[in-house]
C-alpha cells in the first residue's frame, strides 16, 4: 500500500500532539469518523485519490464535512494538504486508531462470521480473546456469508480459522492428494 509508512508517521505525530493537548480521546473519535466516512463513501475516496481534483477543493470538501472536528484533526487535514498527502488521510486515521488503542492497552479482535454475533457469543469471544492476549479487547464483527458458518478470529497477527469453508477446503485438499 502506497503511503503506509508515511501514514504511520503522521499518525504517531498526531497522537503525540493530541496527547500533549489532552485531546487524544476527542481526536480518536474524529479519526473513527474520518476512517468510516472515507471507507464508506466511494465518491469521497475517489476524489481524494484523484490527481484531477485540486488540493484546494479536496481541503475545502474535507473541512466542510468534518467542520465539527477537534483543532488537531483540522490541523492534520491542513498539514496533509500542504504536503500533497491528503490522499492518505483514511490510512492515517486507521493507523491513529490502532496506535491510540495500543497506548490504552486495548487489543482489537476481529471476528468474521456468516451472521451477526449474538450478545452471549460476543461475551464468550471477549473472554477468550482477553485470556489469549492478557489485554482488554474490543470485538469487531465482520459478516461474510462466504464462510458458510463457524468463525474466523483475528487478534493482532494471530488467526484462528474455524469456518465451514476452511474445513471444506481442507477436506478437498485431502481428497485430491490421495
C-alpha atoms as a PDB file:
ATOM      1  CA  UNK A   1       0.000   0.000   0.000  1.00  0.00           C
ATOM      2  CA  UNK A   2       1.486   3.295  -1.095  1.00  0.00           C
ATOM      3  CA  UNK A   3       1.912   5.758   1.729  1.00  0.00           C
ATOM      4  CA  UNK A   4       1.681   3.225   4.552  1.00  0.00           C
ATOM      5  CA  UNK A   5       4.932   4.309   6.183  1.00  0.00           C
ATOM      6  CA  UNK A   6       4.006   7.962   5.818  1.00  0.00           C
ATOM      7  CA  UNK A   7       0.569   7.263   7.321  1.00  0.00           C
ATOM      8  CA  UNK A   8       2.193   5.721  10.390  1.00  0.00           C
ATOM      9  CA  UNK A   9       4.496   8.737  10.814  1.00  0.00           C
ATOM     10  CA  UNK A  10       1.612  11.215  10.547  1.00  0.00           C
ATOM     11  CA  UNK A  11      -0.499   9.113  12.935  1.00  0.00           C
ATOM     12  CA  UNK A  12       2.313   8.968  15.519  1.00  0.00           C
ATOM     13  CA  UNK A  13       2.854  12.716  15.282  1.00  0.00           C
ATOM     14  CA  UNK A  14      -0.868  13.379  15.625  1.00  0.00           C
ATOM     15  CA  UNK A  15      -1.158  11.073  18.641  1.00  0.00           C
ATOM     16  CA  UNK A  16       1.776  12.824  20.287  1.00  0.00           C
ATOM     17  CA  UNK A  17       0.300  16.268  19.615  1.00  0.00           C
ATOM     18  CA  UNK A  18      -3.188  15.249  20.750  1.00  0.00           C
ATOM     19  CA  UNK A  19      -1.807  13.638  23.911  1.00  0.00           C
ATOM     20  CA  UNK A  20       0.141  16.814  24.740  1.00  0.00           C
ATOM     21  CA  UNK A  21      -3.045  18.861  24.271  1.00  0.00           C
ATOM     22  CA  UNK A  22      -5.057  16.295  26.300  1.00  0.00           C
ATOM     23  CA  UNK A  23      -7.299  15.767  23.279  1.00  0.00           C
ATOM     24  CA  UNK A  24      -6.327  12.209  22.285  1.00  0.00           C
ATOM     25  CA  UNK A  25      -9.808  10.815  23.043  1.00  0.00           C
ATOM     26  CA  UNK A  26     -11.556  13.537  21.017  1.00  0.00           C
ATOM     27  CA  UNK A  27      -9.161  13.066  18.106  1.00  0.00           C
ATOM     28  CA  UNK A  28      -9.738   9.287  18.265  1.00  0.00           C
ATOM     29  CA  UNK A  29     -13.469   9.896  17.820  1.00  0.00           C
ATOM     30  CA  UNK A  30     -12.682  12.160  14.841  1.00  0.00           C
ATOM     31  CA  UNK A  31     -10.362   9.558  13.324  1.00  0.00           C
ATOM     32  CA  UNK A  32     -13.037   6.857  13.627  1.00  0.00           C
ATOM     33  CA  UNK A  33     -15.494   9.160  11.861  1.00  0.00           C
ATOM     34  CA  UNK A  34     -12.971  10.006   9.132  1.00  0.00           C
ATOM     35  CA  UNK A  35     -11.956   6.368   8.575  1.00  0.00           C
ATOM     36  CA  UNK A  36     -15.593   5.229   8.416  1.00  0.00           C
ATOM     37  CA  UNK A  37     -16.641   8.112   6.164  1.00  0.00           C
ATOM     38  CA  UNK A  38     -13.835   7.626   3.648  1.00  0.00           C
ATOM     39  CA  UNK A  39     -14.216   3.828   3.642  1.00  0.00           C
ATOM     40  CA  UNK A  40     -17.990   4.081   3.259  1.00  0.00           C
ATOM     41  CA  UNK A  41     -18.120   6.788   0.591  1.00  0.00           C
ATOM     42  CA  UNK A  42     -16.605   5.779  -2.746  1.00  0.00           C
ATOM     43  CA  UNK A  43     -17.040   9.251  -4.254  1.00  0.00           C
ATOM     44  CA  UNK A  44     -15.088  10.898  -1.427  1.00  0.00           C
ATOM     45  CA  UNK A  45     -12.395   8.220  -1.550  1.00  0.00           C
ATOM     46  CA  UNK A  46     -12.066   8.580  -5.332  1.00  0.00           C
ATOM     47  CA  UNK A  47     -11.930  12.383  -5.080  1.00  0.00           C
ATOM     48  CA  UNK A  48      -9.115  12.214  -2.513  1.00  0.00           C
ATOM     49  CA  UNK A  49      -7.143   9.837  -4.746  1.00  0.00           C
ATOM     50  CA  UNK A  50      -7.789  11.769  -7.964  1.00  0.00           C
ATOM     51  CA  UNK A  51      -4.954  13.853  -9.403  1.00  0.00           C
ATOM     52  CA  UNK A  52      -7.546  15.836 -11.367  1.00  0.00           C
ATOM     53  CA  UNK A  53      -9.298  17.265  -8.288  1.00  0.00           C
ATOM     54  CA  UNK A  54      -7.297  20.225  -6.997  1.00  0.00           C
ATOM     55  CA  UNK A  55      -5.875  20.125  -3.488  1.00  0.00           C
ATOM     56  CA  UNK A  56      -7.826  23.254  -2.546  1.00  0.00           C
ATOM     57  CA  UNK A  57     -11.107  21.532  -3.475  1.00  0.00           C
ATOM     58  CA  UNK A  58     -10.105  18.410  -1.507  1.00  0.00           C
ATOM     59  CA  UNK A  59      -9.233  20.511   1.549  1.00  0.00           C
ATOM     60  CA  UNK A  60     -12.419  22.589   1.338  1.00  0.00           C
ATOM     61  CA  UNK A  61     -14.524  19.436   0.997  1.00  0.00           C
ATOM     62  CA  UNK A  62     -12.891  17.759   3.984  1.00  0.00           C
ATOM     63  CA  UNK A  63     -13.115  20.873   6.152  1.00  0.00           C
ATOM     64  CA  UNK A  64     -16.803  21.170   5.266  1.00  0.00           C
ATOM     65  CA  UNK A  65     -17.534  17.507   6.021  1.00  0.00           C
ATOM     66  CA  UNK A  66     -15.536  17.428   9.267  1.00  0.00           C
ATOM     67  CA  UNK A  67     -16.134  21.039  10.386  1.00  0.00           C
ATOM     68  CA  UNK A  68     -17.044  19.992  13.953  1.00  0.00           C
ATOM     69  CA  UNK A  69     -13.764  18.132  14.457  1.00  0.00           C
ATOM     70  CA  UNK A  70     -11.079  18.818  17.018  1.00  0.00           C
ATOM     71  CA  UNK A  71      -8.487  21.508  16.280  1.00  0.00           C
ATOM     72  CA  UNK A  72      -5.741  18.858  15.988  1.00  0.00           C
ATOM     73  CA  UNK A  73      -7.783  16.941  13.411  1.00  0.00           C
ATOM     74  CA  UNK A  74      -8.320  20.061  11.317  1.00  0.00           C
ATOM     75  CA  UNK A  75      -4.601  20.784  11.604  1.00  0.00           C
ATOM     76  CA  UNK A  76      -3.844  17.280  10.280  1.00  0.00           C
ATOM     77  CA  UNK A  77      -6.047  17.894   7.236  1.00  0.00           C
ATOM     78  CA  UNK A  78      -4.238  21.192   6.606  1.00  0.00           C
ATOM     79  CA  UNK A  79      -0.795  19.591   7.022  1.00  0.00           C
ATOM     80  CA  UNK A  80      -1.598  16.645   4.736  1.00  0.00           C
ATOM     81  CA  UNK A  81      -2.948  19.055   2.141  1.00  0.00           C
ATOM     82  CA  UNK A  82       0.147  21.297   2.347  1.00  0.00           C
ATOM     83  CA  UNK A  83       2.401  18.266   1.885  1.00  0.00           C
ATOM     84  CA  UNK A  84       0.337  16.881  -1.024  1.00  0.00           C
ATOM     85  CA  UNK A  85      -0.509  13.771   1.028  1.00  0.00           C
ATOM     86  CA  UNK A  86      -4.259  14.310   1.518  1.00  0.00           C
ATOM     87  CA  UNK A  87      -4.841  11.013  -0.315  1.00  0.00           C
ATOM     88  CA  UNK A  88      -3.560   9.065   2.737  1.00  0.00           C
ATOM     89  CA  UNK A  89      -5.979  10.671   5.226  1.00  0.00           C
ATOM     90  CA  UNK A  90      -8.010   7.451   5.577  1.00  0.00           C
ATOM     91  CA  UNK A  91      -4.848   5.435   6.247  1.00  0.00           C
ATOM     92  CA  UNK A  92      -3.623   7.999   8.793  1.00  0.00           C
ATOM     93  CA  UNK A  93      -6.982   7.804  10.569  1.00  0.00           C
ATOM     94  CA  UNK A  94      -6.839   3.993  10.700  1.00  0.00           C
ATOM     95  CA  UNK A  95      -3.259   3.997  11.995  1.00  0.00           C
ATOM     96  CA  UNK A  96      -4.127   6.634  14.608  1.00  0.00           C
ATOM     97  CA  UNK A  97      -6.982   4.461  15.916  1.00  0.00           C
ATOM     98  CA  UNK A  98      -4.637   1.468  16.082  1.00  0.00           C
ATOM     99  CA  UNK A  99      -1.896   3.441  17.882  1.00  0.00           C
ATOM    100  CA  UNK A 100      -4.430   5.002  20.264  1.00  0.00           C
ATOM    101  CA  UNK A 101      -5.822   1.580  21.177  1.00  0.00           C
ATOM    102  CA  UNK A 102      -2.299   0.240  21.731  1.00  0.00           C
ATOM    103  CA  UNK A 103      -1.463   3.183  24.001  1.00  0.00           C
ATOM    104  CA  UNK A 104      -4.559   2.406  26.071  1.00  0.00           C
ATOM    105  CA  UNK A 105      -3.724  -1.315  26.211  1.00  0.00           C
ATOM    106  CA  UNK A 106      -6.724  -2.218  24.075  1.00  0.00           C
ATOM    107  CA  UNK A 107      -6.452  -5.017  21.528  1.00  0.00           C
ATOM    108  CA  UNK A 108      -8.965  -5.236  18.682  1.00  0.00           C
ATOM    109  CA  UNK A 109     -10.172  -8.707  17.787  1.00  0.00           C
ATOM    110  CA  UNK A 110     -11.989  -9.103  14.512  1.00  0.00           C
ATOM    111  CA  UNK A 111     -14.439 -11.972  14.317  1.00  0.00           C
ATOM    112  CA  UNK A 112     -15.678 -12.894  10.866  1.00  0.00           C
ATOM    113  CA  UNK A 113     -18.956 -14.810  10.911  1.00  0.00           C
ATOM    114  CA  UNK A 114     -21.661 -15.689   8.414  1.00  0.00           C
ATOM    115  CA  UNK A 115     -24.298 -13.994  10.609  1.00  0.00           C
ATOM    116  CA  UNK A 116     -24.318 -11.288  13.294  1.00  0.00           C
ATOM    117  CA  UNK A 117     -22.778 -12.329  16.632  1.00  0.00           C
ATOM    118  CA  UNK A 118     -25.267 -12.735  19.470  1.00  0.00           C
ATOM    119  CA  UNK A 119     -24.508 -10.821  22.678  1.00  0.00           C
ATOM    120  CA  UNK A 120     -23.875 -14.098  24.547  1.00  0.00           C
ATOM    121  CA  UNK A 121     -21.406 -15.318  21.925  1.00  0.00           C
ATOM    122  CA  UNK A 122     -19.763 -11.893  21.836  1.00  0.00           C
ATOM    123  CA  UNK A 123     -19.120 -12.136  25.610  1.00  0.00           C
ATOM    124  CA  UNK A 124     -17.529 -15.571  25.148  1.00  0.00           C
ATOM    125  CA  UNK A 125     -15.277 -14.272  22.368  1.00  0.00           C
ATOM    126  CA  UNK A 126     -14.258 -11.297  24.534  1.00  0.00           C
ATOM    127  CA  UNK A 127     -13.383 -13.587  27.432  1.00  0.00           C
ATOM    128  CA  UNK A 128     -11.349 -15.957  25.231  1.00  0.00           C
ATOM    129  CA  UNK A 129      -9.537 -13.099  23.476  1.00  0.00           C
ATOM    130  CA  UNK A 130      -8.678 -11.478  26.817  1.00  0.00           C
ATOM    131  CA  UNK A 131      -7.371 -14.832  28.052  1.00  0.00           C
ATOM    132  CA  UNK A 132      -5.185 -15.192  24.937  1.00  0.00           C
ATOM    133  CA  UNK A 133      -3.766 -11.653  24.932  1.00  0.00           C
ATOM    134  CA  UNK A 134      -3.889 -10.573  28.563  1.00  0.00           C
ATOM    135  CA  UNK A 135      -5.233  -7.207  27.391  1.00  0.00           C
ATOM    136  CA  UNK A 136      -8.605  -5.536  27.210  1.00  0.00           C
ATOM    137  CA  UNK A 137     -10.188  -6.491  23.924  1.00  0.00           C
ATOM    138  CA  UNK A 138     -12.760  -4.862  21.679  1.00  0.00           C
ATOM    139  CA  UNK A 139     -14.612  -7.121  19.268  1.00  0.00           C
ATOM    140  CA  UNK A 140     -15.286  -6.057  15.709  1.00  0.00           C
ATOM    141  CA  UNK A 141     -17.793  -8.313  13.968  1.00  0.00           C
ATOM    142  CA  UNK A 142     -17.345  -8.712  10.206  1.00  0.00           C
ATOM    143  CA  UNK A 143     -20.120 -10.507   8.365  1.00  0.00           C
ATOM    144  CA  UNK A 144     -19.021 -12.639   5.407  1.00  0.00           C
ATOM    145  CA  UNK A 145     -21.588 -15.146   4.161  1.00  0.00           C
ATOM    146  CA  UNK A 146     -18.981 -16.939   2.030  1.00  0.00           C
ATOM    147  CA  UNK A 147     -17.520 -18.663   5.111  1.00  0.00           C
ATOM    148  CA  UNK A 148     -20.856 -20.563   5.330  1.00  0.00           C
ATOM    149  CA  UNK A 149     -20.683 -20.998   9.117  1.00  0.00           C
ATOM    150  CA  UNK A 150     -18.292 -21.051  12.047  1.00  0.00           C
ATOM    151  CA  UNK A 151     -15.939 -18.102  12.537  1.00  0.00           C
ATOM    152  CA  UNK A 152     -12.515 -16.631  11.843  1.00  0.00           C
ATOM    153  CA  UNK A 153     -10.889 -14.892  14.833  1.00  0.00           C
ATOM    154  CA  UNK A 154      -8.037 -12.428  14.251  1.00  0.00           C
ATOM    155  CA  UNK A 155      -6.162 -10.812  17.126  1.00  0.00           C
ATOM    156  CA  UNK A 156      -3.131  -8.835  16.021  1.00  0.00           C
ATOM    157  CA  UNK A 157      -1.109 -11.226  13.882  1.00  0.00           C
ATOM    158  CA  UNK A 158      -2.775 -14.377  15.227  1.00  0.00           C
ATOM    159  CA  UNK A 159      -5.595 -16.035  13.302  1.00  0.00           C
ATOM    160  CA  UNK A 160      -7.824 -18.961  14.187  1.00  0.00           C
ATOM    161  CA  UNK A 161      -9.966 -20.194  11.301  1.00  0.00           C
ATOM    162  CA  UNK A 162     -12.903 -22.346  12.394  1.00  0.00           C
ATOM    163  CA  UNK A 163     -15.056 -21.629   9.362  1.00  0.00           C
ATOM    164  CA  UNK A 164     -17.011 -24.266   7.478  1.00  0.00           C
ATOM    165  CA  UNK A 165     -15.484 -23.049   4.198  1.00  0.00           C
ATOM    166  CA  UNK A 166     -11.985 -23.651   5.603  1.00  0.00           C
ATOM    167  CA  UNK A 167     -12.913 -27.153   6.777  1.00  0.00           C
ATOM    168  CA  UNK A 168     -14.392 -27.955   3.354  1.00  0.00           C
ATOM    169  CA  UNK A 169     -11.202 -26.734   1.654  1.00  0.00           C
ATOM    170  CA  UNK A 170      -9.094 -28.960   3.927  1.00  0.00           C
ATOM    171  CA  UNK A 171     -11.262 -31.967   3.027  1.00  0.00           C
ATOM    172  CA  UNK A 172     -10.998 -31.107  -0.663  1.00  0.00           C
ATOM    173  CA  UNK A 173      -7.187 -30.970  -0.405  1.00  0.00           C
ATOM    174  CA  UNK A 174      -7.096 -34.333   1.386  1.00  0.00           C
ATOM    175  CA  UNK A 175      -9.183 -35.974  -1.322  1.00  0.00           C
ATOM    176  CA  UNK A 176      -7.161 -34.501  -4.164  1.00  0.00           C
ATOM    177  CA  UNK A 177      -3.866 -35.625  -2.608  1.00  0.00           C
ATOM    178  CA  UNK A 178      -4.991 -39.252  -2.268  1.00  0.00           C
END
